Amino acid sequence: IDTRAVVRHLRTRGVMRGVISSLETDAEKLVAKARSIPKIDGADLAKGVSTKTLYEWDREDACNFNEDPLPQSRGAVELPAPELHVVAYDFGIKHNILRMLTRQGCRVTVVPAETTADDVLALNPDGIFLSNGPGDPEPVTYAQESMRKLAGRKPIFGICLGHQLIGLAL
């Protein structure tokens, strides 16, 4: 499969359902299977993968550091004392992001995707992080509303879906 051609196709035509199979070769059956897949454009997938409750990332739990992809830092990890408190919105956050924030001296509180701006401000963070996540940012209107209320009050940064949400909010 020429994945670059697939990417170019999706960039010009938008979100599409598709099936790749090494078992089925009948094009009509494959098209029928693709059409049976629920559409994701316009769907809020972040809400479904987000944590349901607020939690503190446990910087002392060795299990949170056992999947380090950097060979030079395998083994015992000496963490700096937390100097900053970051509230991380979970739209589908990856644990490695939480590890990296911790390694930079942050205490991290992870909150559900639908957490209000007022609830985040009540945690008195030094900064607010918007995580990556699946799907289309447009239907995630509750997060856009929170970002508008938080803008200018606390530093906000994001990646992937989180960055797109900031763009839509502002």
N, C-alpha and C. Protein backbone atom coordinates (compact mmCIF):
# COMPACT_ATOMS: atom_id res chain seq x y z
N ILE A 1 0.86 -1.18 0.00
CA ILE A 1 0.00 0.00 0.00
C ILE A 1 0.89 1.23 0.00
N ASP A 2 0.62 2.14 -0.89
CA ASP A 2 1.35 3.40 -0.93
C ASP A 2 0.69 4.35 0.08
N THR A 3 1.22 4.37 1.30
CA THR A 3 0.61 5.17 2.37
C THR A 3 0.67 6.67 2.07
N ARG A 4 1.67 7.10 1.34
CA ARG A 4 1.75 8.52 0.98
C ARG A 4 0.60 8.91 0.07
N ALA A 5 0.25 8.01 -0.85
CA ALA A 5 -0.90 8.28 -1.74
C ALA A 5 -2.20 8.32 -0.94
N VAL A 6 -2.33 7.44 0.06
CA VAL A 6 -3.52 7.44 0.91
C VAL A 6 -3.62 8.77 1.65
N VAL A 7 -2.51 9.23 2.21
CA VAL A 7 -2.51 10.50 2.94
C VAL A 7 -2.88 11.66 2.02
N ARG A 8 -2.32 11.69 0.82
CA ARG A 8 -2.66 12.76 -0.13
C ARG A 8 -4.15 12.72 -0.47
N HIS A 9 -4.68 11.54 -0.64
CA HIS A 9 -6.10 11.36 -0.96
C HIS A 9 -6.96 11.90 0.19
N LEU A 10 -6.62 11.56 1.42
CA LEU A 10 -7.39 12.01 2.58
C LEU A 10 -7.27 13.52 2.78
N ARG A 11 -6.11 14.07 2.49
CA ARG A 11 -5.94 15.53 2.63
C ARG A 11 -6.84 16.31 1.68
N THR A 12 -7.04 15.78 0.49
CA THR A 12 -7.86 16.50 -0.48
C THR A 12 -9.35 16.17 -0.36
N ARG A 13 -9.67 14.98 0.13
CA ARG A 13 -11.07 14.56 0.19
C ARG A 13 -11.66 14.51 1.59
N GLY A 14 -10.82 14.64 2.63
CA GLY A 14 -11.33 14.64 4.00
C GLY A 14 -11.47 13.26 4.60
N VAL A 15 -12.10 13.22 5.76
CA VAL A 15 -12.27 11.97 6.52
C VAL A 15 -13.08 10.98 5.71
N MET A 16 -12.58 9.76 5.67
CA MET A 16 -13.27 8.71 4.92
C MET A 16 -13.20 7.40 5.70
N ARG A 17 -14.17 6.56 5.47
CA ARG A 17 -14.12 5.21 6.01
C ARG A 17 -13.37 4.33 5.01
N GLY A 18 -12.65 3.36 5.51
CA GLY A 18 -11.90 2.50 4.61
C GLY A 18 -11.59 1.16 5.23
N VAL A 19 -11.27 0.21 4.37
CA VAL A 19 -10.92 -1.13 4.80
C VAL A 19 -9.71 -1.59 4.01
N ILE A 20 -8.76 -2.15 4.71
CA ILE A 20 -7.60 -2.78 4.07
C ILE A 20 -7.64 -4.23 4.50
N SER A 21 -7.57 -5.13 3.55
CA SER A 21 -7.67 -6.55 3.88
C SER A 21 -6.68 -7.36 3.08
N SER A 22 -6.08 -8.32 3.75
CA SER A 22 -5.23 -9.28 3.04
C SER A 22 -5.99 -10.60 2.82
N LEU A 23 -7.22 -10.67 3.37
CA LEU A 23 -8.02 -11.89 3.23
C LEU A 23 -9.08 -11.77 2.16
N GLU A 24 -9.82 -10.68 2.19
CA GLU A 24 -10.91 -10.48 1.23
C GLU A 24 -10.38 -9.72 0.01
N THR A 25 -10.70 -10.20 -1.18
CA THR A 25 -10.25 -9.53 -2.40
C THR A 25 -11.40 -9.01 -3.24
N ASP A 26 -12.62 -9.35 -2.87
CA ASP A 26 -13.79 -8.91 -3.62
C ASP A 26 -14.05 -7.43 -3.31
N ALA A 27 -13.87 -6.57 -4.31
CA ALA A 27 -13.99 -5.12 -4.11
C ALA A 27 -15.37 -4.73 -3.61
N GLU A 28 -16.42 -5.35 -4.12
CA GLU A 28 -17.78 -5.00 -3.68
C GLU A 28 -18.00 -5.32 -2.20
N LYS A 29 -17.47 -6.44 -1.74
CA LYS A 29 -17.60 -6.80 -0.32
C LYS A 29 -16.81 -5.82 0.56
N LEU A 30 -15.65 -5.41 0.07
CA LEU A 30 -14.83 -4.47 0.84
C LEU A 30 -15.51 -3.09 0.91
N VAL A 31 -16.10 -2.65 -0.19
CA VAL A 31 -16.82 -1.37 -0.19
C VAL A 31 -18.01 -1.45 0.76
N ALA A 32 -18.74 -2.56 0.74
CA ALA A 32 -19.88 -2.74 1.64
C ALA A 32 -19.42 -2.71 3.10
N LYS A 33 -18.30 -3.34 3.37
CA LYS A 33 -17.76 -3.34 4.74
C LYS A 33 -17.38 -1.93 5.16
N ALA A 34 -16.73 -1.19 4.28
CA ALA A 34 -16.35 0.20 4.59
C ALA A 34 -17.59 1.05 4.85
N ARG A 35 -18.61 0.88 4.06
CA ARG A 35 -19.84 1.67 4.22
C ARG A 35 -20.57 1.33 5.52
N SER A 36 -20.33 0.14 6.05
CA SER A 36 -21.00 -0.26 7.30
C SER A 36 -20.32 0.33 8.54
N ILE A 37 -19.14 0.89 8.37
CA ILE A 37 -18.42 1.49 9.50
C ILE A 37 -19.06 2.83 9.83
N PRO A 38 -19.36 3.09 11.12
CA PRO A 38 -19.96 4.38 11.47
C PRO A 38 -19.04 5.54 11.10
N LYS A 39 -19.63 6.64 10.65
CA LYS A 39 -18.85 7.83 10.30
C LYS A 39 -18.30 8.46 11.57
N ILE A 40 -17.07 9.02 11.47
CA ILE A 40 -16.48 9.68 12.65
C ILE A 40 -16.39 11.19 12.49
N ASP A 41 -16.53 11.70 11.28
CA ASP A 41 -16.46 13.15 11.14
C ASP A 41 -17.68 13.75 11.82
N GLY A 42 -17.44 14.75 12.63
CA GLY A 42 -18.51 15.37 13.39
C GLY A 42 -18.83 14.67 14.69
N ALA A 43 -18.12 13.58 15.00
CA ALA A 43 -18.37 12.84 16.25
C ALA A 43 -17.36 13.28 17.31
N ASP A 44 -17.82 13.40 18.54
CA ASP A 44 -16.95 13.75 19.66
C ASP A 44 -16.38 12.45 20.23
N LEU A 45 -15.20 12.06 19.76
CA LEU A 45 -14.56 10.84 20.23
C LEU A 45 -13.78 11.08 21.51
N ALA A 46 -13.37 12.31 21.77
CA ALA A 46 -12.57 12.63 22.95
C ALA A 46 -13.32 12.30 24.23
N LYS A 47 -14.60 12.62 24.25
CA LYS A 47 -15.42 12.38 25.45
C LYS A 47 -15.41 10.89 25.82
N GLY A 48 -15.39 10.04 24.83
CA GLY A 48 -15.43 8.60 25.08
C GLY A 48 -14.14 8.01 25.60
N VAL A 49 -13.00 8.64 25.31
CA VAL A 49 -11.72 8.09 25.75
C VAL A 49 -11.14 8.81 26.96
N SER A 50 -11.74 9.90 27.35
CA SER A 50 -11.25 10.70 28.47
C SER A 50 -11.44 9.98 29.80
N THR A 51 -10.60 10.35 30.77
CA THR A 51 -10.81 9.86 32.12
C THR A 51 -12.17 10.35 32.61
N LYS A 52 -12.77 9.61 33.48
CA LYS A 52 -14.07 10.01 34.02
C LYS A 52 -13.93 10.82 35.31
N THR A 53 -12.75 10.73 35.94
CA THR A 53 -12.53 11.45 37.20
C THR A 53 -11.15 12.11 37.20
N LEU A 54 -11.03 13.18 37.94
CA LEU A 54 -9.77 13.88 38.13
C LEU A 54 -8.79 12.95 38.88
N TYR A 55 -7.51 13.01 38.53
CA TYR A 55 -6.50 12.28 39.30
C TYR A 55 -5.16 12.99 39.20
N GLU A 56 -4.32 12.75 40.20
CA GLU A 56 -2.94 13.25 40.20
C GLU A 56 -2.07 12.18 39.56
N TRP A 57 -1.21 12.59 38.62
CA TRP A 57 -0.27 11.64 38.03
C TRP A 57 0.73 11.27 39.12
N ASP A 58 0.89 9.98 39.38
CA ASP A 58 1.76 9.52 40.47
C ASP A 58 3.20 9.47 39.99
N ARG A 59 3.94 10.50 40.30
CA ARG A 59 5.33 10.61 39.86
C ARG A 59 6.25 9.62 40.57
N GLU A 60 5.80 9.07 41.69
CA GLU A 60 6.65 8.14 42.45
C GLU A 60 6.43 6.69 42.05
N ASP A 61 5.38 6.40 41.30
CA ASP A 61 5.07 5.04 40.91
C ASP A 61 6.02 4.60 39.81
N ALA A 62 6.89 3.64 40.11
CA ALA A 62 7.89 3.19 39.13
C ALA A 62 7.23 2.65 37.87
N CYS A 63 6.00 2.14 37.99
CA CYS A 63 5.29 1.62 36.81
C CYS A 63 5.05 2.73 35.79
N ASN A 64 4.96 3.97 36.24
CA ASN A 64 4.73 5.06 35.32
C ASN A 64 5.97 5.40 34.51
N PHE A 65 7.09 4.74 34.80
CA PHE A 65 8.32 5.01 34.08
C PHE A 65 8.93 3.76 33.47
N ASN A 66 8.18 2.68 33.38
CA ASN A 66 8.78 1.44 32.89
C ASN A 66 8.73 1.28 31.38
N GLU A 67 8.18 2.22 30.67
CA GLU A 67 8.10 2.11 29.21
C GLU A 67 8.89 3.21 28.52
N ASP A 68 9.94 3.69 29.16
CA ASP A 68 10.71 4.80 28.62
C ASP A 68 11.36 4.42 27.30
N PRO A 69 11.09 5.15 26.23
CA PRO A 69 11.66 4.81 24.93
C PRO A 69 13.11 5.26 24.76
N LEU A 70 13.64 6.02 25.71
CA LEU A 70 14.99 6.53 25.58
C LEU A 70 15.97 5.62 26.32
N PRO A 71 16.82 4.87 25.60
CA PRO A 71 17.70 3.90 26.25
C PRO A 71 18.64 4.53 27.27
N GLN A 72 19.10 5.77 27.04
CA GLN A 72 20.05 6.39 27.96
C GLN A 72 19.44 6.72 29.31
N SER A 73 18.12 6.67 29.42
CA SER A 73 17.51 7.00 30.70
C SER A 73 16.81 5.79 31.33
N ARG A 74 17.14 4.59 30.85
CA ARG A 74 16.54 3.39 31.46
C ARG A 74 17.07 3.23 32.87
N GLY A 75 16.29 2.56 33.69
CA GLY A 75 16.69 2.34 35.07
C GLY A 75 16.09 3.42 35.96
N ALA A 76 16.77 3.68 37.05
CA ALA A 76 16.26 4.65 38.02
C ALA A 76 16.19 6.03 37.40
N VAL A 77 15.08 6.68 37.62
CA VAL A 77 14.86 8.02 37.09
C VAL A 77 14.85 8.98 38.27
N GLU A 78 15.76 9.92 38.27
CA GLU A 78 15.77 10.93 39.32
C GLU A 78 14.93 12.11 38.86
N LEU A 79 13.85 12.34 39.57
CA LEU A 79 12.92 13.39 39.19
C LEU A 79 13.21 14.66 39.94
N PRO A 80 13.14 15.79 39.23
CA PRO A 80 13.30 17.07 39.95
C PRO A 80 12.09 17.31 40.84
N ALA A 81 12.30 18.09 41.89
CA ALA A 81 11.18 18.46 42.75
C ALA A 81 10.18 19.25 41.92
N PRO A 82 8.89 18.98 42.10
CA PRO A 82 7.89 19.72 41.31
C PRO A 82 7.89 21.20 41.67
N GLU A 83 8.06 22.03 40.66
CA GLU A 83 8.04 23.48 40.86
C GLU A 83 6.78 24.10 40.28
N LEU A 84 6.17 23.41 39.30
CA LEU A 84 5.00 23.95 38.62
C LEU A 84 3.85 22.95 38.68
N HIS A 85 2.65 23.48 38.76
CA HIS A 85 1.46 22.64 38.74
C HIS A 85 0.78 22.81 37.37
N VAL A 86 0.67 21.71 36.64
CA VAL A 86 0.02 21.72 35.34
C VAL A 86 -1.26 20.91 35.43
N VAL A 87 -2.35 21.49 34.97
CA VAL A 87 -3.60 20.75 34.82
C VAL A 87 -3.65 20.28 33.37
N ALA A 88 -3.79 18.98 33.19
CA ALA A 88 -3.81 18.38 31.86
C ALA A 88 -5.22 17.90 31.53
N TYR A 89 -5.82 18.51 30.52
CA TYR A 89 -7.11 18.04 30.01
C TYR A 89 -6.85 16.73 29.27
N ASP A 90 -7.63 15.71 29.59
CA ASP A 90 -7.48 14.41 28.95
C ASP A 90 -8.50 14.24 27.83
N PHE A 91 -8.01 14.38 26.60
CA PHE A 91 -8.84 14.11 25.42
C PHE A 91 -8.44 12.79 24.78
N GLY A 92 -7.60 12.03 25.49
CA GLY A 92 -7.03 10.79 24.98
C GLY A 92 -5.53 10.81 25.23
N ILE A 93 -5.14 11.34 26.36
CA ILE A 93 -3.73 11.61 26.68
C ILE A 93 -2.90 10.34 26.72
N LYS A 94 -1.66 10.45 26.32
CA LYS A 94 -0.71 9.35 26.38
C LYS A 94 0.11 9.47 27.67
N HIS A 95 0.38 8.33 28.29
CA HIS A 95 1.14 8.36 29.54
C HIS A 95 2.53 8.97 29.37
N ASN A 96 3.12 8.81 28.21
CA ASN A 96 4.46 9.36 28.03
C ASN A 96 4.47 10.89 28.15
N ILE A 97 3.39 11.54 27.76
CA ILE A 97 3.31 12.99 27.92
C ILE A 97 3.34 13.33 29.40
N LEU A 98 2.60 12.57 30.20
CA LEU A 98 2.60 12.80 31.64
C LEU A 98 3.98 12.54 32.24
N ARG A 99 4.67 11.50 31.75
CA ARG A 99 6.04 11.24 32.20
C ARG A 99 6.97 12.43 31.88
N MET A 100 6.83 12.95 30.67
CA MET A 100 7.71 14.04 30.26
C MET A 100 7.43 15.32 31.07
N LEU A 101 6.18 15.62 31.33
CA LEU A 101 5.86 16.79 32.16
C LEU A 101 6.45 16.62 33.57
N THR A 102 6.32 15.41 34.11
CA THR A 102 6.87 15.13 35.43
C THR A 102 8.39 15.29 35.43
N ARG A 103 9.02 14.82 34.39
CA ARG A 103 10.49 14.93 34.30
C ARG A 103 10.96 16.38 34.17
N GLN A 104 10.06 17.24 33.77
CA GLN A 104 10.41 18.66 33.67
C GLN A 104 10.10 19.42 34.96
N GLY A 105 9.75 18.69 36.00
CA GLY A 105 9.50 19.30 37.29
C GLY A 105 8.08 19.77 37.50
N CYS A 106 7.13 19.11 36.86
CA CYS A 106 5.72 19.50 37.02
C CYS A 106 4.98 18.49 37.88
N ARG A 107 4.10 19.02 38.69
CA ARG A 107 3.08 18.20 39.35
C ARG A 107 1.90 18.25 38.41
N VAL A 108 1.36 17.10 38.04
CA VAL A 108 0.33 17.05 37.00
C VAL A 108 -0.98 16.52 37.57
N THR A 109 -2.03 17.31 37.38
CA THR A 109 -3.39 16.90 37.69
C THR A 109 -4.10 16.69 36.37
N VAL A 110 -4.62 15.49 36.16
CA VAL A 110 -5.33 15.16 34.92
C VAL A 110 -6.83 15.30 35.18
N VAL A 111 -7.49 16.01 34.27
CA VAL A 111 -8.93 16.24 34.42
C VAL A 111 -9.69 15.71 33.20
N PRO A 112 -10.97 15.35 33.41
CA PRO A 112 -11.78 14.89 32.28
C PRO A 112 -11.95 15.97 31.22
N ALA A 113 -12.22 15.55 30.02
CA ALA A 113 -12.37 16.45 28.88
C ALA A 113 -13.42 17.53 29.11
N GLU A 114 -14.46 17.22 29.83
CA GLU A 114 -15.57 18.16 30.01
C GLU A 114 -15.43 19.06 31.24
N THR A 115 -14.25 19.09 31.85
CA THR A 115 -14.03 19.93 33.03
C THR A 115 -14.19 21.40 32.66
N THR A 116 -14.90 22.15 33.48
CA THR A 116 -15.15 23.57 33.19
C THR A 116 -13.92 24.42 33.52
N ALA A 117 -13.90 25.59 32.95
CA ALA A 117 -12.82 26.55 33.22
C ALA A 117 -12.78 26.89 34.71
N ASP A 118 -13.93 27.10 35.32
CA ASP A 118 -13.98 27.43 36.74
C ASP A 118 -13.38 26.32 37.60
N ASP A 119 -13.68 25.07 37.26
CA ASP A 119 -13.12 23.96 38.01
C ASP A 119 -11.60 23.87 37.86
N VAL A 120 -11.10 24.17 36.67
CA VAL A 120 -9.65 24.17 36.46
C VAL A 120 -9.00 25.32 37.23
N LEU A 121 -9.58 26.49 37.17
CA LEU A 121 -9.03 27.64 37.91
C LEU A 121 -9.02 27.38 39.41
N ALA A 122 -10.01 26.65 39.92
CA ALA A 122 -10.06 26.32 41.34
C ALA A 122 -8.88 25.45 41.77
N LEU A 123 -8.25 24.76 40.82
CA LEU A 123 -7.06 23.94 41.11
C LEU A 123 -5.79 24.79 41.16
N ASN A 124 -5.90 26.05 40.79
CA ASN A 124 -4.80 27.01 40.80
C ASN A 124 -3.54 26.51 40.09
N PRO A 125 -3.67 26.15 38.81
CA PRO A 125 -2.49 25.67 38.09
C PRO A 125 -1.58 26.81 37.64
N ASP A 126 -0.32 26.45 37.38
CA ASP A 126 0.60 27.39 36.75
C ASP A 126 0.42 27.39 35.24
N GLY A 127 -0.09 26.29 34.71
CA GLY A 127 -0.34 26.18 33.28
C GLY A 127 -1.38 25.11 33.00
N ILE A 128 -1.94 25.17 31.81
CA ILE A 128 -2.98 24.24 31.39
C ILE A 128 -2.55 23.58 30.09
N PHE A 129 -2.58 22.26 30.09
CA PHE A 129 -2.16 21.47 28.93
C PHE A 129 -3.37 20.79 28.33
N LEU A 130 -3.50 20.87 27.01
CA LEU A 130 -4.57 20.19 26.28
C LEU A 130 -3.94 19.04 25.50
N SER A 131 -4.37 17.83 25.80
CA SER A 131 -3.73 16.65 25.25
C SER A 131 -4.15 16.35 23.81
N ASN A 132 -3.47 15.37 23.29
CA ASN A 132 -3.84 14.77 22.01
C ASN A 132 -5.13 14.00 22.22
N GLY A 133 -5.70 13.52 21.15
CA GLY A 133 -6.90 12.70 21.24
C GLY A 133 -7.41 12.38 19.85
N PRO A 134 -8.41 11.53 19.79
CA PRO A 134 -8.92 11.09 18.49
C PRO A 134 -9.99 12.02 17.93
N GLY A 135 -10.15 11.95 16.65
CA GLY A 135 -11.31 12.54 16.01
C GLY A 135 -11.23 14.01 15.66
N ASP A 136 -12.38 14.52 15.39
CA ASP A 136 -12.62 15.86 14.88
C ASP A 136 -12.72 16.85 16.05
N PRO A 137 -11.95 17.94 16.06
CA PRO A 137 -12.03 18.90 17.18
C PRO A 137 -13.30 19.75 17.16
N GLU A 138 -13.94 19.86 16.03
CA GLU A 138 -15.08 20.77 15.91
C GLU A 138 -16.24 20.46 16.87
N PRO A 139 -16.63 19.20 17.05
CA PRO A 139 -17.75 18.94 17.97
C PRO A 139 -17.39 19.02 19.45
N VAL A 140 -16.13 19.23 19.76
CA VAL A 140 -15.69 19.29 21.15
C VAL A 140 -15.88 20.73 21.65
N THR A 141 -17.10 21.20 21.56
CA THR A 141 -17.43 22.60 21.83
C THR A 141 -17.25 22.98 23.29
N TYR A 142 -17.49 22.04 24.21
CA TYR A 142 -17.33 22.32 25.63
C TYR A 142 -15.88 22.70 25.96
N ALA A 143 -14.92 22.07 25.29
CA ALA A 143 -13.51 22.40 25.51
C ALA A 143 -13.18 23.77 24.90
N GLN A 144 -13.74 24.04 23.74
CA GLN A 144 -13.51 25.36 23.13
C GLN A 144 -14.04 26.46 24.04
N GLU A 145 -15.20 26.24 24.63
CA GLU A 145 -15.78 27.24 25.54
C GLU A 145 -14.88 27.44 26.76
N SER A 146 -14.38 26.34 27.32
CA SER A 146 -13.47 26.45 28.47
C SER A 146 -12.20 27.21 28.09
N MET A 147 -11.66 26.94 26.89
CA MET A 147 -10.43 27.62 26.48
C MET A 147 -10.66 29.12 26.32
N ARG A 148 -11.81 29.50 25.82
CA ARG A 148 -12.11 30.94 25.71
C ARG A 148 -12.13 31.60 27.08
N LYS A 149 -12.66 30.90 28.07
CA LYS A 149 -12.74 31.45 29.43
C LYS A 149 -11.37 31.46 30.12
N LEU A 150 -10.50 30.54 29.73
CA LEU A 150 -9.18 30.44 30.36
C LEU A 150 -8.14 31.33 29.68
N ALA A 151 -8.39 31.67 28.42
CA ALA A 151 -7.41 32.46 27.64
C ALA A 151 -7.08 33.76 28.37
N GLY A 152 -5.80 34.01 28.51
CA GLY A 152 -5.33 35.23 29.15
C GLY A 152 -5.28 35.14 30.67
N ARG A 153 -5.81 34.06 31.23
CA ARG A 153 -5.82 33.92 32.69
C ARG A 153 -4.70 33.00 33.17
N LYS A 154 -4.39 32.00 32.35
CA LYS A 154 -3.32 31.05 32.64
C LYS A 154 -2.67 30.68 31.32
N PRO A 155 -1.37 30.35 31.34
CA PRO A 155 -0.74 29.85 30.11
C PRO A 155 -1.40 28.54 29.67
N ILE A 156 -1.67 28.43 28.38
CA ILE A 156 -2.31 27.24 27.82
C ILE A 156 -1.42 26.72 26.69
N PHE A 157 -1.18 25.42 26.70
CA PHE A 157 -0.43 24.81 25.61
C PHE A 157 -1.05 23.47 25.28
N GLY A 158 -0.86 23.01 24.05
CA GLY A 158 -1.47 21.76 23.65
C GLY A 158 -0.72 21.12 22.50
N ILE A 159 -1.06 19.88 22.24
CA ILE A 159 -0.53 19.16 21.09
C ILE A 159 -1.69 18.50 20.37
N CYS A 160 -1.51 18.27 19.11
CA CYS A 160 -2.47 17.55 18.27
C CYS A 160 -3.88 18.09 18.44
N LEU A 161 -4.80 17.27 18.92
CA LEU A 161 -6.19 17.70 19.08
C LEU A 161 -6.26 18.92 19.99
N GLY A 162 -5.46 18.93 21.07
CA GLY A 162 -5.46 20.07 21.98
C GLY A 162 -5.09 21.36 21.29
N HIS A 163 -4.12 21.32 20.42
CA HIS A 163 -3.70 22.51 19.68
C HIS A 163 -4.80 22.96 18.72
N GLN A 164 -5.46 22.01 18.10
CA GLN A 164 -6.58 22.34 17.20
C GLN A 164 -7.72 22.99 17.98
N LEU A 165 -7.98 22.51 19.20
CA LEU A 165 -9.02 23.09 20.03
C LEU A 165 -8.70 24.53 20.40
N ILE A 166 -7.44 24.80 20.70
CA ILE A 166 -7.04 26.19 21.00
C ILE A 166 -7.31 27.06 19.77
N GLY A 167 -6.93 26.57 18.60
CA GLY A 167 -7.17 27.33 17.37
C GLY A 167 -8.64 27.62 17.13
N LEU A 168 -9.49 26.62 17.33
CA LEU A 168 -10.93 26.83 17.14
C LEU A 168 -11.49 27.77 18.20
N ALA A 169 -11.01 27.66 19.43
CA ALA A 169 -11.53 28.50 20.51
C ALA A 169 -11.20 29.96 20.31
N LEU A 170 -10.02 30.23 19.76
CA LEU A 170 -9.56 31.60 19.64
C LEU A 170 -9.77 32.16 18.25
